[in-house]
Amino acid sequence: MSDTPQKPLSFIEKMKQKAAAQTSYGGDGKEEAAKVATRDCPNCGAARARQDGLTHCGYCGFAFIQSNLTDGIHIKSTDNSQ
């Protein structure tokens, strides 16, 4: 048998061991089919990515949501630049 003392691990080797032993923070990922949420414009038929707050079509200007501003505490219905 050899009586040579084992050399202690260097700081880098300890970091490599910790990195190899780590698990993902969010756990294992789920595999699912890719999907795209779109909304077609009823006026011109252009497909737009569905997102909250989409008010007008970027191609023809069709208004998806009609909104009328009213006077609030910080927002006025006429001029909000001041």
PDB file of N, CA and C in Angstrom:
ATOM      1  N   MET A   1       0.827  -1.168   0.000  1.00  0.00           N
ATOM      2  CA  MET A   1       0.000   0.000   0.000  1.00  0.00           C
ATOM      3  C   MET A   1       0.876   1.237   0.000  1.00  0.00           C
ATOM      4  N   SER A   2       0.317   2.258  -0.557  1.00  0.00           N
ATOM      5  CA  SER A   2       1.076   3.502  -0.599  1.00  0.00           C
ATOM      6  C   SER A   2       0.628   4.391   0.549  1.00  0.00           C
ATOM      7  N   ASP A   3       1.552   4.980   1.205  1.00  0.00           N
ATOM      8  CA  ASP A   3       1.252   5.860   2.329  1.00  0.00           C
ATOM      9  C   ASP A   3       1.312   7.334   1.918  1.00  0.00           C
ATOM     10  N   THR A   4       1.094   7.593   0.651  1.00  0.00           N
ATOM     11  CA  THR A   4       1.148   8.987   0.214  1.00  0.00           C
ATOM     12  C   THR A   4      -0.146   9.679   0.618  1.00  0.00           C
ATOM     13  N   PRO A   5      -0.043  10.789   1.269  1.00  0.00           N
ATOM     14  CA  PRO A   5      -1.251  11.507   1.689  1.00  0.00           C
ATOM     15  C   PRO A   5      -1.968  12.076   0.464  1.00  0.00           C
ATOM     16  N   GLN A   6      -3.304  12.063   0.552  1.00  0.00           N
ATOM     17  CA  GLN A   6      -4.066  12.598  -0.572  1.00  0.00           C
ATOM     18  C   GLN A   6      -3.983  14.113  -0.566  1.00  0.00           C
ATOM     19  N   LYS A   7      -3.811  14.631  -1.740  1.00  0.00           N
ATOM     20  CA  LYS A   7      -3.725  16.075  -1.887  1.00  0.00           C
ATOM     21  C   LYS A   7      -5.138  16.651  -1.754  1.00  0.00           C
ATOM     22  N   PRO A   8      -5.346  17.676  -0.955  1.00  0.00           N
ATOM     23  CA  PRO A   8      -6.687  18.255  -0.818  1.00  0.00           C
ATOM     24  C   PRO A   8      -7.134  18.882  -2.142  1.00  0.00           C
ATOM     25  N   LEU A   9      -8.432  18.878  -2.347  1.00  0.00           N
ATOM     26  CA  LEU A   9      -8.960  19.433  -3.588  1.00  0.00           C
ATOM     27  C   LEU A   9      -8.766  20.943  -3.623  1.00  0.00           C
ATOM     28  N   SER A  10      -8.443  21.423  -4.790  1.00  0.00           N
ATOM     29  CA  SER A  10      -8.293  22.864  -4.939  1.00  0.00           C
ATOM     30  C   SER A  10      -9.669  23.517  -4.973  1.00  0.00           C
ATOM     31  N   PHE A  11      -9.681  24.809  -4.847  1.00  0.00           N
ATOM     32  CA  PHE A  11     -10.928  25.567  -4.865  1.00  0.00           C
ATOM     33  C   PHE A  11     -11.678  25.330  -6.178  1.00  0.00           C
ATOM     34  N   ILE A  12     -10.965  25.309  -7.277  1.00  0.00           N
ATOM     35  CA  ILE A  12     -11.581  25.091  -8.596  1.00  0.00           C
ATOM     36  C   ILE A  12     -12.189  23.694  -8.680  1.00  0.00           C
ATOM     37  N   GLU A  13     -11.497  22.694  -8.192  1.00  0.00           N
ATOM     38  CA  GLU A  13     -12.020  21.326  -8.226  1.00  0.00           C
ATOM     39  C   GLU A  13     -13.276  21.202  -7.377  1.00  0.00           C
ATOM     40  N   LYS A  14     -13.306  21.885  -6.222  1.00  0.00           N
ATOM     41  CA  LYS A  14     -14.514  21.868  -5.384  1.00  0.00           C
ATOM     42  C   LYS A  14     -15.684  22.517  -6.121  1.00  0.00           C
ATOM     43  N   MET A  15     -15.419  23.621  -6.816  1.00  0.00           N
ATOM     44  CA  MET A  15     -16.477  24.292  -7.568  1.00  0.00           C
ATOM     45  C   MET A  15     -17.003  23.396  -8.685  1.00  0.00           C
ATOM     46  N   LYS A  16     -16.104  22.682  -9.354  1.00  0.00           N
ATOM     47  CA  LYS A  16     -16.518  21.767 -10.424  1.00  0.00           C
ATOM     48  C   LYS A  16     -17.397  20.650  -9.872  1.00  0.00           C
ATOM     49  N   GLN A  17     -17.058  20.130  -8.713  1.00  0.00           N
ATOM     50  CA  GLN A  17     -17.869  19.067  -8.111  1.00  0.00           C
ATOM     51  C   GLN A  17     -19.252  19.585  -7.719  1.00  0.00           C
ATOM     52  N   LYS A  18     -19.315  20.791  -7.154  1.00  0.00           N
ATOM     53  CA  LYS A  18     -20.600  21.366  -6.778  1.00  0.00           C
ATOM     54  C   LYS A  18     -21.465  21.623  -8.007  1.00  0.00           C
ATOM     55  N   ALA A  19     -20.852  22.111  -9.076  1.00  0.00           N
ATOM     56  CA  ALA A  19     -21.604  22.393 -10.303  1.00  0.00           C
ATOM     57  C   ALA A  19     -22.156  21.114 -10.913  1.00  0.00           C
ATOM     58  N   ALA A  20     -21.385  20.047 -10.867  1.00  0.00           N
ATOM     59  CA  ALA A  20     -21.848  18.772 -11.440  1.00  0.00           C
ATOM     60  C   ALA A  20     -22.965  18.162 -10.599  1.00  0.00           C
ATOM     61  N   ALA A  21     -22.994  18.451  -9.298  1.00  0.00           N
ATOM     62  CA  ALA A  21     -24.004  17.861  -8.410  1.00  0.00           C
ATOM     63  C   ALA A  21     -25.285  18.686  -8.342  1.00  0.00           C
ATOM     64  N   GLN A  22     -25.304  19.884  -8.912  1.00  0.00           N
ATOM     65  CA  GLN A  22     -26.480  20.750  -8.827  1.00  0.00           C
ATOM     66  C   GLN A  22     -27.624  20.235  -9.684  1.00  0.00           C
ATOM     67  N   THR A  23     -28.839  20.546  -9.243  1.00  0.00           N
ATOM     68  CA  THR A  23     -30.022  20.240 -10.044  1.00  0.00           C
ATOM     69  C   THR A  23     -30.618  21.558 -10.523  1.00  0.00           C
ATOM     70  N   SER A  24     -31.491  21.484 -11.498  1.00  0.00           N
ATOM     71  CA  SER A  24     -32.121  22.686 -12.038  1.00  0.00           C
ATOM     72  C   SER A  24     -32.987  23.343 -10.979  1.00  0.00           C
ATOM     73  N   TYR A  25     -32.991  24.660 -10.946  1.00  0.00           N
ATOM     74  CA  TYR A  25     -33.754  25.406  -9.951  1.00  0.00           C
ATOM     75  C   TYR A  25     -35.243  25.158 -10.103  1.00  0.00           C
ATOM     76  N   GLY A  26     -35.743  25.150 -11.318  1.00  0.00           N
ATOM     77  CA  GLY A  26     -37.166  24.962 -11.557  1.00  0.00           C
ATOM     78  C   GLY A  26     -37.570  23.509 -11.689  1.00  0.00           C
ATOM     79  N   GLY A  27     -36.670  22.598 -11.476  1.00  0.00           N
ATOM     80  CA  GLY A  27     -36.975  21.187 -11.657  1.00  0.00           C
ATOM     81  C   GLY A  27     -36.783  20.775 -13.112  1.00  0.00           C
ATOM     82  N   ASP A  28     -37.197  19.574 -13.416  1.00  0.00           N
ATOM     83  CA  ASP A  28     -37.063  19.093 -14.780  1.00  0.00           C
ATOM     84  C   ASP A  28     -38.081  19.788 -15.672  1.00  0.00           C
ATOM     85  N   GLY A  29     -37.679  20.118 -16.874  1.00  0.00           N
ATOM     86  CA  GLY A  29     -38.566  20.797 -17.809  1.00  0.00           C
ATOM     87  C   GLY A  29     -39.571  19.834 -18.417  1.00  0.00           C
ATOM     88  N   LYS A  30     -40.732  20.384 -18.782  1.00  0.00           N
ATOM     89  CA  LYS A  30     -41.760  19.585 -19.420  1.00  0.00           C
ATOM     90  C   LYS A  30     -41.666  19.780 -20.927  1.00  0.00           C
ATOM     91  N   GLU A  31     -41.789  18.699 -21.652  1.00  0.00           N
ATOM     92  CA  GLU A  31     -41.803  18.802 -23.097  1.00  0.00           C
ATOM     93  C   GLU A  31     -43.242  18.913 -23.561  1.00  0.00           C
ATOM     94  N   GLU A  32     -43.505  19.950 -24.345  1.00  0.00           N
ATOM     95  CA  GLU A  32     -44.839  20.118 -24.898  1.00  0.00           C
ATOM     96  C   GLU A  32     -44.699  20.696 -26.296  1.00  0.00           C
ATOM     97  N   ALA A  33     -45.722  20.504 -27.087  1.00  0.00           N
ATOM     98  CA  ALA A  33     -45.687  20.964 -28.470  1.00  0.00           C
ATOM     99  C   ALA A  33     -45.649  22.488 -28.524  1.00  0.00           C
ATOM    100  N   ALA A  34     -44.954  23.004 -29.532  1.00  0.00           N
ATOM    101  CA  ALA A  34     -44.894  24.451 -29.711  1.00  0.00           C
ATOM    102  C   ALA A  34     -46.258  24.960 -30.146  1.00  0.00           C
ATOM    103  N   LYS A  35     -46.590  26.150 -29.683  1.00  0.00           N
ATOM    104  CA  LYS A  35     -47.866  26.736 -30.063  1.00  0.00           C
ATOM    105  C   LYS A  35     -47.698  28.233 -30.238  1.00  0.00           C
ATOM    106  N   VAL A  36     -48.549  28.786 -31.076  1.00  0.00           N
ATOM    107  CA  VAL A  36     -48.526  30.210 -31.339  1.00  0.00           C
ATOM    108  C   VAL A  36     -49.929  30.739 -31.147  1.00  0.00           C
ATOM    109  N   ALA A  37     -50.066  31.747 -30.329  1.00  0.00           N
ATOM    110  CA  ALA A  37     -51.364  32.366 -30.113  1.00  0.00           C
ATOM    111  C   ALA A  37     -51.464  33.580 -31.022  1.00  0.00           C
ATOM    112  N   THR A  38     -52.356  33.537 -31.985  1.00  0.00           N
ATOM    113  CA  THR A  38     -52.526  34.655 -32.902  1.00  0.00           C
ATOM    114  C   THR A  38     -53.966  35.092 -32.935  1.00  0.00           C
ATOM    115  N   ARG A  39     -54.152  36.291 -33.399  1.00  0.00           N
ATOM    116  CA  ARG A  39     -55.495  36.823 -33.597  1.00  0.00           C
ATOM    117  C   ARG A  39     -55.542  37.379 -35.007  1.00  0.00           C
ATOM    118  N   ASP A  40     -56.519  36.962 -35.782  1.00  0.00           N
ATOM    119  CA  ASP A  40     -56.656  37.450 -37.139  1.00  0.00           C
ATOM    120  C   ASP A  40     -57.494  38.718 -37.154  1.00  0.00           C
ATOM    121  N   CYS A  41     -57.080  39.666 -37.961  1.00  0.00           N
ATOM    122  CA  CYS A  41     -57.816  40.914 -38.091  1.00  0.00           C
ATOM    123  C   CYS A  41     -59.075  40.644 -38.909  1.00  0.00           C
ATOM    124  N   PRO A  42     -60.248  41.019 -38.413  1.00  0.00           N
ATOM    125  CA  PRO A  42     -61.466  40.786 -39.175  1.00  0.00           C
ATOM    126  C   PRO A  42     -61.581  41.680 -40.410  1.00  0.00           C
ATOM    127  N   ASN A  43     -60.794  42.746 -40.470  1.00  0.00           N
ATOM    128  CA  ASN A  43     -60.877  43.667 -41.594  1.00  0.00           C
ATOM    129  C   ASN A  43     -59.982  43.232 -42.755  1.00  0.00           C
ATOM    130  N   CYS A  44     -58.701  42.969 -42.486  1.00  0.00           N
ATOM    131  CA  CYS A  44     -57.771  42.632 -43.571  1.00  0.00           C
ATOM    132  C   CYS A  44     -57.284  41.188 -43.517  1.00  0.00           C
ATOM    133  N   GLY A  45     -57.507  40.476 -42.410  1.00  0.00           N
ATOM    134  CA  GLY A  45     -57.110  39.076 -42.306  1.00  0.00           C
ATOM    135  C   GLY A  45     -55.679  38.845 -41.873  1.00  0.00           C
ATOM    136  N   ALA A  46     -54.956  39.895 -41.559  1.00  0.00           N
ATOM    137  CA  ALA A  46     -53.564  39.742 -41.131  1.00  0.00           C
ATOM    138  C   ALA A  46     -53.516  39.079 -39.767  1.00  0.00           C
ATOM    139  N   ALA A  47     -52.590  38.166 -39.606  1.00  0.00           N
ATOM    140  CA  ALA A  47     -52.418  37.485 -38.323  1.00  0.00           C
ATOM    141  C   ALA A  47     -51.463  38.300 -37.465  1.00  0.00           C
ATOM    142  N   ARG A  48     -51.867  38.541 -36.247  1.00  0.00           N
ATOM    143  CA  ARG A  48     -51.045  39.283 -35.291  1.00  0.00           C
ATOM    144  C   ARG A  48     -50.841  38.412 -34.071  1.00  0.00           C
ATOM    145  N   ALA A  49     -49.661  38.491 -33.463  1.00  0.00           N
ATOM    146  CA  ALA A  49     -49.418  37.736 -32.235  1.00  0.00           C
ATOM    147  C   ALA A  49     -50.357  38.254 -31.166  1.00  0.00           C
ATOM    148  N   ARG A  50     -51.051  37.333 -30.499  1.00  0.00           N
ATOM    149  CA  ARG A  50     -52.006  37.743 -29.468  1.00  0.00           C
ATOM    150  C   ARG A  50     -51.231  38.222 -28.246  1.00  0.00           C
ATOM    151  N   GLN A  51     -51.572  39.388 -27.808  1.00  0.00           N
ATOM    152  CA  GLN A  51     -50.975  39.936 -26.597  1.00  0.00           C
ATOM    153  C   GLN A  51     -51.992  40.825 -25.931  1.00  0.00           C
ATOM    154  N   ASP A  52     -51.887  40.934 -24.643  1.00  0.00           N
ATOM    155  CA  ASP A  52     -52.801  41.805 -23.920  1.00  0.00           C
ATOM    156  C   ASP A  52     -52.533  43.250 -24.311  1.00  0.00           C
ATOM    157  N   GLY A  53     -53.571  43.988 -24.503  1.00  0.00           N
ATOM    158  CA  GLY A  53     -53.423  45.395 -24.829  1.00  0.00           C
ATOM    159  C   GLY A  53     -53.353  45.691 -26.308  1.00  0.00           C
ATOM    160  N   LEU A  54     -53.480  44.703 -27.165  1.00  0.00           N
ATOM    161  CA  LEU A  54     -53.460  44.930 -28.604  1.00  0.00           C
ATOM    162  C   LEU A  54     -54.752  45.640 -28.975  1.00  0.00           C
ATOM    163  N   THR A  55     -54.647  46.872 -29.417  1.00  0.00           N
ATOM    164  CA  THR A  55     -55.855  47.654 -29.679  1.00  0.00           C
ATOM    165  C   THR A  55     -56.124  47.868 -31.157  1.00  0.00           C
ATOM    166  N   HIS A  56     -55.075  47.973 -31.968  1.00  0.00           N
ATOM    167  CA  HIS A  56     -55.250  48.248 -33.395  1.00  0.00           C
ATOM    168  C   HIS A  56     -54.410  47.289 -34.230  1.00  0.00           C
ATOM    169  N   CYS A  57     -54.918  46.981 -35.420  1.00  0.00           N
ATOM    170  CA  CYS A  57     -54.165  46.166 -36.375  1.00  0.00           C
ATOM    171  C   CYS A  57     -52.991  46.994 -36.875  1.00  0.00           C
ATOM    172  N   GLY A  58     -51.814  46.401 -36.940  1.00  0.00           N
ATOM    173  CA  GLY A  58     -50.625  47.115 -37.391  1.00  0.00           C
ATOM    174  C   GLY A  58     -50.583  47.328 -38.886  1.00  0.00           C
ATOM    175  N   TYR A  59     -51.448  46.653 -39.638  1.00  0.00           N
ATOM    176  CA  TYR A  59     -51.429  46.745 -41.091  1.00  0.00           C
ATOM    177  C   TYR A  59     -52.499  47.688 -41.631  1.00  0.00           C
ATOM    178  N   CYS A  60     -53.744  47.511 -41.190  1.00  0.00           N
ATOM    179  CA  CYS A  60     -54.830  48.329 -41.744  1.00  0.00           C
ATOM    180  C   CYS A  60     -55.378  49.346 -40.755  1.00  0.00           C
ATOM    181  N   GLY A  61     -55.027  49.245 -39.471  1.00  0.00           N
ATOM    182  CA  GLY A  61     -55.473  50.206 -38.485  1.00  0.00           C
ATOM    183  C   GLY A  61     -56.828  49.889 -37.870  1.00  0.00           C
ATOM    184  N   PHE A  62     -57.371  48.703 -38.155  1.00  0.00           N
ATOM    185  CA  PHE A  62     -58.658  48.311 -37.583  1.00  0.00           C
ATOM    186  C   PHE A  62     -58.561  48.318 -36.061  1.00  0.00           C
ATOM    187  N   ALA A  63     -59.571  48.879 -35.399  1.00  0.00           N
ATOM    188  CA  ALA A  63     -59.565  48.976 -33.937  1.00  0.00           C
ATOM    189  C   ALA A  63     -60.180  47.712 -33.343  1.00  0.00           C
ATOM    190  N   PHE A  64     -59.365  46.903 -32.668  1.00  0.00           N
ATOM    191  CA  PHE A  64     -59.871  45.713 -31.976  1.00  0.00           C
ATOM    192  C   PHE A  64     -60.659  46.122 -30.736  1.00  0.00           C
ATOM    193  N   ILE A  65     -60.153  47.130 -30.028  1.00  0.00           N
ATOM    194  CA  ILE A  65     -60.763  47.574 -28.784  1.00  0.00           C
ATOM    195  C   ILE A  65     -61.018  49.071 -28.898  1.00  0.00           C
ATOM    196  N   GLN A  66     -62.246  49.458 -28.692  1.00  0.00           N
ATOM    197  CA  GLN A  66     -62.580  50.877 -28.652  1.00  0.00           C
ATOM    198  C   GLN A  66     -62.549  51.310 -27.189  1.00  0.00           C
ATOM    199  N   SER A  67     -61.790  52.331 -26.903  1.00  0.00           N
ATOM    200  CA  SER A  67     -61.737  52.805 -25.517  1.00  0.00           C
ATOM    201  C   SER A  67     -61.892  54.315 -25.496  1.00  0.00           C
ATOM    202  N   ASN A  68     -62.641  54.782 -24.558  1.00  0.00           N
ATOM    203  CA  ASN A  68     -62.817  56.209 -24.359  1.00  0.00           C
ATOM    204  C   ASN A  68     -62.216  56.573 -23.016  1.00  0.00           C
ATOM    205  N   LEU A  69     -61.290  57.526 -23.046  1.00  0.00           N
ATOM    206  CA  LEU A  69     -60.674  57.959 -21.802  1.00  0.00           C
ATOM    207  C   LEU A  69     -61.616  58.875 -21.049  1.00  0.00           C
ATOM    208  N   THR A  70     -61.628  58.739 -19.754  1.00  0.00           N
ATOM    209  CA  THR A  70     -62.382  59.640 -18.895  1.00  0.00           C
ATOM    210  C   THR A  70     -61.404  60.274 -17.921  1.00  0.00           C
ATOM    211  N   ASP A  71     -61.825  61.354 -17.332  1.00  0.00           N
ATOM    212  CA  ASP A  71     -60.952  62.030 -16.363  1.00  0.00           C
ATOM    213  C   ASP A  71     -60.754  61.151 -15.142  1.00  0.00           C
ATOM    214  N   GLY A  72     -59.488  60.987 -14.773  1.00  0.00           N
ATOM    215  CA  GLY A  72     -59.149  60.225 -13.585  1.00  0.00           C
ATOM    216  C   GLY A  72     -58.348  61.100 -12.639  1.00  0.00           C
ATOM    217  N   ILE A  73     -57.679  60.487 -11.713  1.00  0.00           N
ATOM    218  CA  ILE A  73     -56.890  61.248 -10.748  1.00  0.00           C
ATOM    219  C   ILE A  73     -55.660  61.853 -11.428  1.00  0.00           C
ATOM    220  N   HIS A  74     -54.919  61.015 -12.205  1.00  0.00           N
ATOM    221  CA  HIS A  74     -53.683  61.487 -12.828  1.00  0.00           C
ATOM    222  C   HIS A  74     -53.801  61.612 -14.343  1.00  0.00           C
ATOM    223  N   ILE A  75     -54.783  60.990 -14.961  1.00  0.00           N
ATOM    224  CA  ILE A  75     -54.931  60.990 -16.415  1.00  0.00           C
ATOM    225  C   ILE A  75     -56.187  61.776 -16.768  1.00  0.00           C
ATOM    226  N   LYS A  76     -56.032  62.704 -17.692  1.00  0.00           N
ATOM    227  CA  LYS A  76     -57.158  63.488 -18.173  1.00  0.00           C
ATOM    228  C   LYS A  76     -57.545  62.980 -19.555  1.00  0.00           C
ATOM    229  N   SER A  77     -58.807  63.151 -19.911  1.00  0.00           N
ATOM    230  CA  SER A  77     -59.296  62.622 -21.188  1.00  0.00           C
ATOM    231  C   SER A  77     -58.844  63.469 -22.364  1.00  0.00           C
ATOM    232  N   THR A  78     -58.348  64.683 -22.154  1.00  0.00           N
ATOM    233  CA  THR A  78     -58.017  65.555 -23.274  1.00  0.00           C
ATOM    234  C   THR A  78     -56.525  65.625 -23.535  1.00  0.00           C
ATOM    235  N   ASP A  79     -55.727  66.105 -22.618  1.00  0.00           N
ATOM    236  CA  ASP A  79     -54.297  66.310 -22.858  1.00  0.00           C
ATOM    237  C   ASP A  79     -53.518  65.778 -21.664  1.00  0.00           C
ATOM    238  N   ASN A  80     -52.742  64.705 -21.894  1.00  0.00           N
ATOM    239  CA  ASN A  80     -51.982  64.072 -20.819  1.00  0.00           C
ATOM    240  C   ASN A  80     -50.499  64.429 -20.854  1.00  0.00           C
ATOM    241  N   SER A  81     -50.137  65.420 -21.674  1.00  0.00           N
ATOM    242  CA  SER A  81     -48.702  65.733 -21.823  1.00  0.00           C
ATOM    243  C   SER A  81     -48.199  66.660 -20.724  1.00  0.00           C
ATOM    244  N   GLN A  82     -49.084  67.169 -19.875  1.00  0.00           N
ATOM    245  CA  GLN A  82     -48.627  68.125 -18.865  1.00  0.00           C
ATOM    246  C   GLN A  82     -48.704  67.539 -17.491  1.00  0.00           C
TER     247      GLN A  82
END
